[in-house]
Amino acid sequence: MNLQENIQRIKEIMNMDVSNSDLLSQLVQQDQVERKEYMDFVNNELRGDYEKGAKEWIKLKHRNPDDIFLDKDRMNKFIYTNFDFDSFNKKDWDNYWLLSQHADQYPDFQKTALNIIQKHTGEDNDNFKYLSDRISCRETGAQIYGTQNICKKY
């Protein structure tokens, strides 16, 4: 089996017997557990200083700076799932947005996700605005809708 066939097989296995809604809910639940712990840590121990918080969290949890929330496996599962966007409900779109918002290590995917959200839900919703600003902050250091607490080019 070549690499491409292995990747396809992994995609098929990851999507077996789990609905779009269930998979998105599971991934979001996993995503939020540690982020909540991190937010509590930053707010209680560092008075809301999230830039310092990230550095301290990396030390405290012995994490790689490229994966401080242990997102890589979860993000790969999310990014490589073939979703049926036409079947999404409001909760599915919220979950899809949240995971896309946290996919900063995958900027090309974030742009694709923004286009998908725009196509299926339009531009006049918070999911589009938040992800649009997230991408814009990274690329230009500015935001259109003012949704991001910290906005700088990186």
N, C-alpha and C. Protein backbone atom coordinates (compact mmCIF):
# COMPACT_ATOMS: atom_id res chain seq x y z
N MET A 1 0.85 -1.17 0.00
CA MET A 1 0.00 0.00 0.00
C MET A 1 0.91 1.25 0.00
N ASN A 2 0.67 2.18 -0.93
CA ASN A 2 1.48 3.39 -0.97
C ASN A 2 0.96 4.42 0.03
N LEU A 3 1.68 5.52 0.15
CA LEU A 3 1.33 6.55 1.13
C LEU A 3 -0.07 7.10 0.91
N GLN A 4 -0.41 7.39 -0.33
CA GLN A 4 -1.73 7.95 -0.64
C GLN A 4 -2.85 6.98 -0.23
N GLU A 5 -2.65 5.71 -0.48
CA GLU A 5 -3.65 4.71 -0.10
C GLU A 5 -3.75 4.61 1.42
N ASN A 6 -2.62 4.71 2.11
CA ASN A 6 -2.63 4.70 3.58
C ASN A 6 -3.41 5.89 4.13
N ILE A 7 -3.18 7.06 3.56
CA ILE A 7 -3.89 8.27 4.01
C ILE A 7 -5.39 8.10 3.80
N GLN A 8 -5.78 7.60 2.63
CA GLN A 8 -7.20 7.39 2.35
C GLN A 8 -7.81 6.39 3.34
N ARG A 9 -7.09 5.33 3.64
CA ARG A 9 -7.60 4.32 4.59
C ARG A 9 -7.78 4.92 5.97
N ILE A 10 -6.83 5.74 6.39
CA ILE A 10 -6.94 6.40 7.69
C ILE A 10 -8.16 7.31 7.72
N LYS A 11 -8.38 8.06 6.64
CA LYS A 11 -9.56 8.92 6.55
C LYS A 11 -10.84 8.11 6.68
N GLU A 12 -10.89 6.97 6.03
CA GLU A 12 -12.09 6.13 6.08
C GLU A 12 -12.31 5.60 7.49
N ILE A 13 -11.25 5.15 8.15
CA ILE A 13 -11.35 4.62 9.51
C ILE A 13 -11.82 5.71 10.47
N MET A 14 -11.28 6.91 10.32
CA MET A 14 -11.65 8.00 11.21
C MET A 14 -13.11 8.39 11.07
N ASN A 15 -13.70 8.18 9.92
CA ASN A 15 -15.08 8.59 9.69
C ASN A 15 -16.09 7.47 9.89
N MET A 16 -15.65 6.29 10.26
CA MET A 16 -16.56 5.16 10.39
C MET A 16 -17.53 5.34 11.55
N ASP A 17 -18.80 5.11 11.27
CA ASP A 17 -19.83 5.00 12.28
C ASP A 17 -19.97 6.21 13.21
N VAL A 18 -19.56 7.37 12.77
CA VAL A 18 -19.72 8.56 13.58
C VAL A 18 -20.34 9.63 12.68
N SER A 19 -21.43 10.19 13.12
CA SER A 19 -22.06 11.24 12.32
C SER A 19 -21.22 12.52 12.39
N ASN A 20 -21.47 13.42 11.43
CA ASN A 20 -20.80 14.73 11.46
C ASN A 20 -20.98 15.39 12.81
N SER A 21 -22.21 15.41 13.27
CA SER A 21 -22.52 16.10 14.53
C SER A 21 -21.78 15.47 15.71
N ASP A 22 -21.80 14.14 15.78
CA ASP A 22 -21.12 13.46 16.88
C ASP A 22 -19.62 13.70 16.86
N LEU A 23 -19.03 13.59 15.67
CA LEU A 23 -17.58 13.81 15.56
C LEU A 23 -17.22 15.23 15.96
N LEU A 24 -17.93 16.20 15.44
CA LEU A 24 -17.64 17.59 15.79
C LEU A 24 -17.80 17.83 17.29
N SER A 25 -18.86 17.29 17.87
CA SER A 25 -19.07 17.45 19.31
C SER A 25 -17.95 16.83 20.13
N GLN A 26 -17.52 15.64 19.74
CA GLN A 26 -16.42 14.98 20.44
C GLN A 26 -15.13 15.79 20.35
N LEU A 27 -14.82 16.27 19.15
CA LEU A 27 -13.59 17.04 18.96
C LEU A 27 -13.62 18.35 19.74
N VAL A 28 -14.77 19.01 19.75
CA VAL A 28 -14.89 20.27 20.49
C VAL A 28 -14.77 20.01 21.99
N GLN A 29 -15.39 18.96 22.45
CA GLN A 29 -15.29 18.63 23.88
C GLN A 29 -13.83 18.43 24.28
N GLN A 30 -13.09 17.68 23.49
CA GLN A 30 -11.67 17.46 23.76
C GLN A 30 -10.91 18.79 23.72
N ASP A 31 -11.22 19.60 22.73
CA ASP A 31 -10.57 20.89 22.53
C ASP A 31 -10.76 21.80 23.74
N GLN A 32 -11.96 21.80 24.29
CA GLN A 32 -12.31 22.76 25.33
C GLN A 32 -11.81 22.39 26.72
N VAL A 33 -11.58 21.12 26.99
CA VAL A 33 -11.17 20.70 28.33
C VAL A 33 -9.89 21.42 28.76
N GLU A 34 -8.86 21.29 27.96
CA GLU A 34 -7.59 21.90 28.38
C GLU A 34 -7.59 23.41 28.21
N ARG A 35 -8.28 23.91 27.21
CA ARG A 35 -8.34 25.36 27.04
C ARG A 35 -9.03 26.02 28.24
N LYS A 36 -10.02 25.38 28.80
CA LYS A 36 -10.66 25.93 30.00
C LYS A 36 -9.67 25.94 31.16
N GLU A 37 -8.94 24.84 31.32
CA GLU A 37 -7.93 24.78 32.39
C GLU A 37 -6.89 25.89 32.18
N TYR A 38 -6.48 26.07 30.94
CA TYR A 38 -5.51 27.11 30.60
C TYR A 38 -6.06 28.51 30.93
N MET A 39 -7.31 28.78 30.53
CA MET A 39 -7.92 30.09 30.81
C MET A 39 -7.99 30.35 32.31
N ASP A 40 -8.38 29.34 33.08
CA ASP A 40 -8.43 29.49 34.53
C ASP A 40 -7.04 29.78 35.09
N PHE A 41 -6.04 29.08 34.60
CA PHE A 41 -4.65 29.29 35.02
C PHE A 41 -4.21 30.72 34.74
N VAL A 42 -4.43 31.18 33.52
CA VAL A 42 -4.00 32.52 33.13
C VAL A 42 -4.75 33.58 33.93
N ASN A 43 -6.05 33.43 34.07
CA ASN A 43 -6.83 34.43 34.79
C ASN A 43 -6.52 34.44 36.29
N ASN A 44 -6.32 33.27 36.88
CA ASN A 44 -6.09 33.18 38.33
C ASN A 44 -4.64 33.42 38.72
N GLU A 45 -3.71 32.95 37.91
CA GLU A 45 -2.29 33.03 38.28
C GLU A 45 -1.55 34.19 37.62
N LEU A 46 -2.02 34.63 36.46
CA LEU A 46 -1.26 35.62 35.70
C LEU A 46 -2.09 36.86 35.34
N ARG A 47 -3.19 37.05 36.03
CA ARG A 47 -4.04 38.24 35.86
C ARG A 47 -4.43 38.50 34.40
N GLY A 48 -4.69 37.43 33.67
CA GLY A 48 -5.18 37.57 32.30
C GLY A 48 -4.12 37.84 31.25
N ASP A 49 -2.85 37.70 31.60
CA ASP A 49 -1.77 37.94 30.63
C ASP A 49 -1.57 36.67 29.80
N TYR A 50 -2.26 36.60 28.66
CA TYR A 50 -2.25 35.38 27.85
C TYR A 50 -0.92 35.16 27.13
N GLU A 51 -0.19 36.22 26.81
CA GLU A 51 1.11 36.02 26.17
C GLU A 51 2.08 35.37 27.15
N LYS A 52 2.11 35.86 28.37
CA LYS A 52 2.94 35.24 29.41
C LYS A 52 2.38 33.86 29.74
N GLY A 53 1.06 33.75 29.72
CA GLY A 53 0.42 32.48 30.03
C GLY A 53 0.86 31.35 29.14
N ALA A 54 0.96 31.62 27.85
CA ALA A 54 1.38 30.57 26.90
C ALA A 54 2.78 30.07 27.25
N LYS A 55 3.68 30.99 27.54
CA LYS A 55 5.06 30.59 27.90
C LYS A 55 5.07 29.77 29.19
N GLU A 56 4.30 30.20 30.16
CA GLU A 56 4.25 29.49 31.44
C GLU A 56 3.57 28.13 31.29
N TRP A 57 2.54 28.05 30.48
CA TRP A 57 1.81 26.80 30.25
C TRP A 57 2.74 25.76 29.61
N ILE A 58 3.54 26.21 28.65
CA ILE A 58 4.49 25.32 27.98
C ILE A 58 5.45 24.72 29.00
N LYS A 59 5.95 25.57 29.90
CA LYS A 59 6.87 25.08 30.95
C LYS A 59 6.16 24.15 31.92
N LEU A 60 5.00 24.58 32.38
CA LEU A 60 4.24 23.82 33.38
C LEU A 60 3.85 22.43 32.87
N LYS A 61 3.42 22.37 31.63
CA LYS A 61 2.92 21.11 31.06
C LYS A 61 3.98 20.36 30.25
N HIS A 62 5.18 20.93 30.15
CA HIS A 62 6.27 20.31 29.36
C HIS A 62 5.83 20.07 27.93
N ARG A 63 5.36 21.13 27.28
CA ARG A 63 4.80 21.03 25.94
C ARG A 63 5.72 21.62 24.90
N ASN A 64 5.55 21.15 23.70
CA ASN A 64 6.21 21.72 22.54
C ASN A 64 5.49 23.03 22.23
N PRO A 65 6.22 24.12 21.98
CA PRO A 65 5.57 25.39 21.66
C PRO A 65 4.66 25.33 20.43
N ASP A 66 4.86 24.35 19.57
CA ASP A 66 4.01 24.20 18.39
C ASP A 66 2.76 23.39 18.67
N ASP A 67 2.62 22.88 19.91
CA ASP A 67 1.45 22.06 20.23
C ASP A 67 1.13 22.16 21.72
N ILE A 68 0.87 23.39 22.17
CA ILE A 68 0.72 23.58 23.62
C ILE A 68 -0.57 22.98 24.18
N PHE A 69 -1.57 22.74 23.33
CA PHE A 69 -2.81 22.13 23.81
C PHE A 69 -2.97 20.69 23.31
N LEU A 70 -1.90 20.11 22.82
CA LEU A 70 -1.92 18.75 22.27
C LEU A 70 -3.01 18.61 21.20
N ASP A 71 -3.01 19.56 20.28
CA ASP A 71 -4.03 19.64 19.22
C ASP A 71 -3.72 18.85 17.97
N LYS A 72 -2.49 18.48 17.74
CA LYS A 72 -2.12 17.96 16.42
C LYS A 72 -2.97 16.78 15.96
N ASP A 73 -3.13 15.78 16.78
CA ASP A 73 -3.94 14.62 16.37
C ASP A 73 -5.40 15.01 16.15
N ARG A 74 -5.92 15.81 17.05
CA ARG A 74 -7.32 16.24 16.93
C ARG A 74 -7.50 17.08 15.67
N MET A 75 -6.59 17.99 15.41
CA MET A 75 -6.70 18.84 14.22
C MET A 75 -6.57 18.03 12.94
N ASN A 76 -5.67 17.07 12.93
CA ASN A 76 -5.54 16.22 11.74
C ASN A 76 -6.82 15.45 11.48
N LYS A 77 -7.43 14.95 12.53
CA LYS A 77 -8.69 14.23 12.37
C LYS A 77 -9.76 15.17 11.83
N PHE A 78 -9.82 16.36 12.38
CA PHE A 78 -10.80 17.36 11.95
C PHE A 78 -10.57 17.79 10.49
N ILE A 79 -9.36 18.16 10.19
CA ILE A 79 -9.04 18.71 8.87
C ILE A 79 -9.26 17.69 7.76
N TYR A 80 -8.98 16.43 8.03
CA TYR A 80 -9.06 15.41 6.97
C TYR A 80 -10.39 14.66 6.94
N THR A 81 -11.36 15.14 7.68
CA THR A 81 -12.69 14.54 7.61
C THR A 81 -13.47 15.18 6.46
N ASN A 82 -14.15 14.36 5.71
CA ASN A 82 -15.00 14.85 4.62
C ASN A 82 -16.41 15.08 5.17
N PHE A 83 -16.69 16.32 5.56
CA PHE A 83 -17.98 16.65 6.14
C PHE A 83 -19.03 16.87 5.06
N ASP A 84 -20.25 16.57 5.40
CA ASP A 84 -21.40 16.87 4.55
C ASP A 84 -21.98 18.19 5.05
N PHE A 85 -21.46 19.29 4.54
CA PHE A 85 -21.84 20.61 5.03
C PHE A 85 -23.32 20.91 4.83
N ASP A 86 -23.92 20.31 3.82
CA ASP A 86 -25.35 20.55 3.57
C ASP A 86 -26.23 20.00 4.69
N SER A 87 -25.69 19.07 5.48
CA SER A 87 -26.47 18.49 6.57
C SER A 87 -26.21 19.18 7.92
N PHE A 88 -25.34 20.17 7.95
CA PHE A 88 -24.99 20.84 9.20
C PHE A 88 -26.18 21.60 9.78
N ASN A 89 -26.30 21.53 11.11
CA ASN A 89 -27.25 22.38 11.83
C ASN A 89 -26.45 23.51 12.50
N LYS A 90 -27.14 24.37 13.23
CA LYS A 90 -26.47 25.52 13.87
C LYS A 90 -25.35 25.08 14.79
N LYS A 91 -25.57 24.06 15.59
CA LYS A 91 -24.54 23.58 16.51
C LYS A 91 -23.33 23.04 15.74
N ASP A 92 -23.58 22.33 14.64
CA ASP A 92 -22.48 21.82 13.83
C ASP A 92 -21.63 22.98 13.30
N TRP A 93 -22.29 24.03 12.81
CA TRP A 93 -21.54 25.18 12.29
C TRP A 93 -20.74 25.85 13.40
N ASP A 94 -21.32 25.96 14.59
CA ASP A 94 -20.58 26.54 15.72
C ASP A 94 -19.36 25.68 16.08
N ASN A 95 -19.54 24.38 16.08
CA ASN A 95 -18.43 23.48 16.38
C ASN A 95 -17.36 23.51 15.28
N TYR A 96 -17.81 23.54 14.04
CA TYR A 96 -16.87 23.61 12.91
C TYR A 96 -16.06 24.90 12.99
N TRP A 97 -16.75 26.01 13.28
CA TRP A 97 -16.05 27.29 13.42
C TRP A 97 -15.02 27.22 14.55
N LEU A 98 -15.42 26.73 15.71
CA LEU A 98 -14.52 26.72 16.87
C LEU A 98 -13.24 25.95 16.57
N LEU A 99 -13.39 24.79 15.98
CA LEU A 99 -12.20 24.00 15.65
C LEU A 99 -11.36 24.71 14.58
N SER A 100 -12.02 25.33 13.62
CA SER A 100 -11.29 26.08 12.59
C SER A 100 -10.57 27.28 13.21
N GLN A 101 -11.21 27.92 14.15
CA GLN A 101 -10.62 29.07 14.85
C GLN A 101 -9.33 28.65 15.56
N HIS A 102 -9.29 27.43 16.06
CA HIS A 102 -8.13 26.96 16.80
C HIS A 102 -7.10 26.27 15.90
N ALA A 103 -7.30 26.30 14.61
CA ALA A 103 -6.39 25.64 13.66
C ALA A 103 -5.31 26.62 13.17
N ASP A 104 -4.77 27.42 14.06
CA ASP A 104 -3.77 28.43 13.67
C ASP A 104 -2.52 27.82 13.04
N GLN A 105 -2.20 26.60 13.40
CA GLN A 105 -1.02 25.94 12.81
C GLN A 105 -1.28 25.53 11.36
N TYR A 106 -2.51 25.69 10.90
CA TYR A 106 -2.91 25.28 9.56
C TYR A 106 -3.60 26.45 8.84
N PRO A 107 -2.86 27.50 8.52
CA PRO A 107 -3.47 28.71 7.96
C PRO A 107 -4.20 28.47 6.63
N ASP A 108 -3.70 27.60 5.79
CA ASP A 108 -4.40 27.32 4.54
C ASP A 108 -5.76 26.68 4.81
N PHE A 109 -5.80 25.79 5.80
CA PHE A 109 -7.08 25.19 6.16
C PHE A 109 -8.04 26.25 6.69
N GLN A 110 -7.54 27.17 7.52
CA GLN A 110 -8.42 28.21 8.06
C GLN A 110 -9.06 29.02 6.93
N LYS A 111 -8.30 29.32 5.90
CA LYS A 111 -8.85 30.06 4.77
C LYS A 111 -9.91 29.23 4.04
N THR A 112 -9.65 27.94 3.88
CA THR A 112 -10.63 27.05 3.26
C THR A 112 -11.90 27.01 4.11
N ALA A 113 -11.73 26.87 5.42
CA ALA A 113 -12.88 26.83 6.33
C ALA A 113 -13.68 28.12 6.26
N LEU A 114 -12.99 29.26 6.18
CA LEU A 114 -13.68 30.54 6.07
C LEU A 114 -14.52 30.58 4.80
N ASN A 115 -13.97 30.10 3.71
CA ASN A 115 -14.73 30.06 2.45
C ASN A 115 -15.94 29.15 2.55
N ILE A 116 -15.78 28.03 3.23
CA ILE A 116 -16.90 27.09 3.42
C ILE A 116 -17.99 27.74 4.27
N ILE A 117 -17.58 28.37 5.37
CA ILE A 117 -18.55 29.05 6.24
C ILE A 117 -19.27 30.15 5.47
N GLN A 118 -18.53 30.92 4.70
CA GLN A 118 -19.13 31.99 3.90
C GLN A 118 -20.13 31.43 2.90
N LYS A 119 -19.75 30.37 2.20
CA LYS A 119 -20.61 29.77 1.19
C LYS A 119 -21.92 29.25 1.79
N HIS A 120 -21.84 28.62 2.95
CA HIS A 120 -23.00 27.95 3.52
C HIS A 120 -23.81 28.80 4.49
N THR A 121 -23.18 29.79 5.12
CA THR A 121 -23.91 30.58 6.13
C THR A 121 -23.88 32.07 5.86
N GLY A 122 -23.07 32.51 4.90
CA GLY A 122 -22.97 33.93 4.59
C GLY A 122 -21.94 34.64 5.46
N GLU A 123 -21.87 35.94 5.28
CA GLU A 123 -20.89 36.76 6.02
C GLU A 123 -21.48 37.46 7.23
N ASP A 124 -22.78 37.43 7.37
CA ASP A 124 -23.43 38.16 8.44
C ASP A 124 -23.71 37.26 9.65
N ASN A 125 -22.65 36.61 10.11
CA ASN A 125 -22.78 35.78 11.32
C ASN A 125 -21.46 35.82 12.08
N ASP A 126 -21.52 35.54 13.36
CA ASP A 126 -20.33 35.62 14.21
C ASP A 126 -19.24 34.64 13.79
N ASN A 127 -19.62 33.45 13.36
CA ASN A 127 -18.60 32.46 12.97
C ASN A 127 -17.73 33.01 11.85
N PHE A 128 -18.34 33.58 10.84
CA PHE A 128 -17.58 34.16 9.73
C PHE A 128 -16.71 35.31 10.23
N LYS A 129 -17.29 36.20 11.03
CA LYS A 129 -16.58 37.39 11.48
C LYS A 129 -15.37 37.04 12.35
N TYR A 130 -15.55 36.12 13.29
CA TYR A 130 -14.45 35.74 14.17
C TYR A 130 -13.31 35.08 13.39
N LEU A 131 -13.63 34.16 12.51
CA LEU A 131 -12.58 33.48 11.76
C LEU A 131 -11.92 34.43 10.77
N SER A 132 -12.70 35.30 10.17
CA SER A 132 -12.15 36.30 9.25
C SER A 132 -11.14 37.19 9.97
N ASP A 133 -11.51 37.68 11.15
CA ASP A 133 -10.60 38.51 11.93
C ASP A 133 -9.36 37.73 12.37
N ARG A 134 -9.54 36.49 12.74
CA ARG A 134 -8.40 35.67 13.18
C ARG A 134 -7.37 35.57 12.06
N ILE A 135 -7.84 35.30 10.86
CA ILE A 135 -6.96 35.18 9.70
C ILE A 135 -6.33 36.54 9.38
N SER A 136 -7.14 37.58 9.40
CA SER A 136 -6.65 38.92 9.09
C SER A 136 -5.59 39.38 10.09
N CYS A 137 -5.79 39.08 11.35
CA CYS A 137 -4.79 39.44 12.37
C CYS A 137 -3.45 38.79 12.06
N ARG A 138 -3.49 37.52 11.73
CA ARG A 138 -2.26 36.80 11.44
C ARG A 138 -1.56 37.38 10.21
N GLU A 139 -2.34 37.71 9.19
CA GLU A 139 -1.75 38.13 7.92
C GLU A 139 -1.42 39.61 7.85
N THR A 140 -2.22 40.46 8.51
CA THR A 140 -2.02 41.90 8.35
C THR A 140 -1.81 42.64 9.67
N GLY A 141 -2.15 42.02 10.78
CA GLY A 141 -2.07 42.70 12.06
C GLY A 141 -3.28 43.59 12.34
N ALA A 142 -4.29 43.51 11.46
CA ALA A 142 -5.50 44.32 11.64
C ALA A 142 -6.73 43.43 11.50
N GLN A 143 -7.83 43.90 12.04
CA GLN A 143 -9.08 43.14 11.94
C GLN A 143 -10.21 44.05 11.47
N ILE A 144 -11.20 43.44 10.87
CA ILE A 144 -12.32 44.19 10.31
C ILE A 144 -13.45 44.34 11.32
N TYR A 145 -13.78 43.25 12.02
CA TYR A 145 -14.96 43.21 12.87
C TYR A 145 -14.67 43.44 14.35
N GLY A 146 -13.40 43.48 14.74
CA GLY A 146 -13.03 43.73 16.13
C GLY A 146 -13.36 42.58 17.08
N THR A 147 -13.21 41.35 16.61
CA THR A 147 -13.59 40.19 17.43
C THR A 147 -12.44 39.62 18.26
N GLN A 148 -11.21 39.99 17.93
CA GLN A 148 -10.05 39.36 18.57
C GLN A 148 -9.49 40.25 19.68
N ASN A 149 -9.22 39.65 20.83
CA ASN A 149 -8.64 40.41 21.95
C ASN A 149 -7.22 40.83 21.65
N ILE A 150 -6.45 39.96 21.04
CA ILE A 150 -5.08 40.24 20.67
C ILE A 150 -5.00 40.13 19.17
N CYS A 151 -4.48 41.16 18.52
CA CYS A 151 -4.39 41.14 17.06
C CYS A 151 -3.02 41.64 16.65
N LYS A 152 -2.19 40.70 16.18
CA LYS A 152 -0.90 41.11 15.65
C LYS A 152 -0.47 40.15 14.55
N LYS A 153 0.29 40.67 13.64
CA LYS A 153 0.75 39.89 12.50
C LYS A 153 1.81 38.91 12.99
N TYR A 154 1.73 37.67 12.51
CA TYR A 154 2.77 36.70 12.84
C TYR A 154 2.94 35.72 11.72
